[in-house]
């Protein structure tokens, strides 16, 4: 099962739609920001928090970038 198949099946199972290509890219970037700003395990937790927040993927990424330390400060 590839990622698209898994996401489609998971979406059907939980009664929602799968993310589109743009949202997938943005959410993966959000996960990367969270993992690099903190610990790797912050990535799935930040994505879960984003999911329950009701904000768009773009809004979530912008929020993560606002709180992440600058790359040279890390």
Protein backbone atom coordinates (compact mmCIF):
# COMPACT_ATOMS: atom_id res chain seq x y z
CA UNK A 1 0.00 0.00 0.00
CA UNK A 2 1.51 3.34 -1.00
CA UNK A 3 0.93 6.64 0.81
CA UNK A 4 -1.97 7.69 -1.43
CA UNK A 5 -3.73 4.37 -0.93
CA UNK A 6 -3.19 4.49 2.83
CA UNK A 7 -4.43 8.08 3.12
CA UNK A 8 -7.52 7.30 1.03
CA UNK A 9 -8.33 4.21 3.10
CA UNK A 10 -7.66 6.02 6.39
CA UNK A 11 -9.79 8.98 5.31
CA UNK A 12 -12.66 6.65 4.44
CA UNK A 13 -12.27 4.85 7.76
CA UNK A 14 -12.44 8.05 9.82
CA UNK A 15 -15.09 9.75 7.68
CA UNK A 16 -13.13 12.57 6.09
CA UNK A 17 -11.33 13.32 2.84
CA UNK A 18 -7.67 12.68 2.17
CA UNK A 19 -5.40 15.73 1.90
CA UNK A 20 -4.66 17.03 -1.57
CA UNK A 21 -1.12 17.26 -2.98
CA UNK A 22 -0.64 20.84 -1.71
CA UNK A 23 -1.75 20.00 1.82
CA UNK A 24 0.43 16.88 1.85
CA UNK A 25 3.47 18.95 0.92
CA UNK A 26 2.67 21.65 3.49
CA UNK A 27 1.97 19.14 6.27
CA UNK A 28 5.23 17.34 5.57
CA UNK A 29 7.00 20.68 5.77
CA UNK A 30 5.20 21.39 9.06
CA UNK A 31 6.42 18.05 10.38
CA UNK A 32 9.95 18.95 9.33
CA UNK A 33 9.81 22.33 11.06
CA UNK A 34 8.49 20.73 14.24
CA UNK A 35 11.09 17.97 14.19
CA UNK A 36 14.00 20.35 13.62
CA UNK A 37 12.81 23.01 16.07
CA UNK A 38 12.37 20.50 18.88
CA UNK A 39 12.58 16.71 18.82
CA UNK A 40 11.54 14.35 16.04
CA UNK A 41 8.55 13.20 18.03
CA UNK A 42 7.16 16.74 17.98
CA UNK A 43 6.34 16.24 14.27
CA UNK A 44 3.38 13.83 14.52
CA UNK A 45 2.09 15.55 17.63
CA UNK A 46 2.17 18.98 15.99
CA UNK A 47 0.32 17.55 12.99
CA UNK A 48 -2.31 16.03 15.29
CA UNK A 49 -2.71 19.34 17.11
CA UNK A 50 -3.10 21.03 13.74
CA UNK A 51 -5.74 18.55 12.71
CA UNK A 52 -7.89 19.19 15.75
CA UNK A 53 -7.37 22.96 15.53
CA UNK A 54 -9.38 23.35 12.34
CA UNK A 55 -6.73 25.64 10.83
CA UNK A 56 -5.56 25.17 7.24
CA UNK A 57 -2.26 23.47 6.50
CA UNK A 58 -0.85 26.83 5.36
CA UNK A 59 -1.89 28.48 8.64
CA UNK A 60 -0.31 25.66 10.64
CA UNK A 61 2.99 25.92 8.78
CA UNK A 62 3.06 29.68 9.27
CA UNK A 63 2.46 29.25 13.02
CA UNK A 64 5.23 26.65 13.30
CA UNK A 65 7.65 28.91 11.45
CA UNK A 66 6.82 31.80 13.82
CA UNK A 67 7.82 29.82 16.90
CA UNK A 68 10.74 27.82 15.45
CA UNK A 69 14.18 29.17 16.26
CA UNK A 70 16.09 30.69 13.37
CA UNK A 71 18.31 28.08 11.67
CA UNK A 72 21.50 29.78 12.86
CA UNK A 73 20.13 29.96 16.44
CA UNK A 74 19.45 26.22 16.67
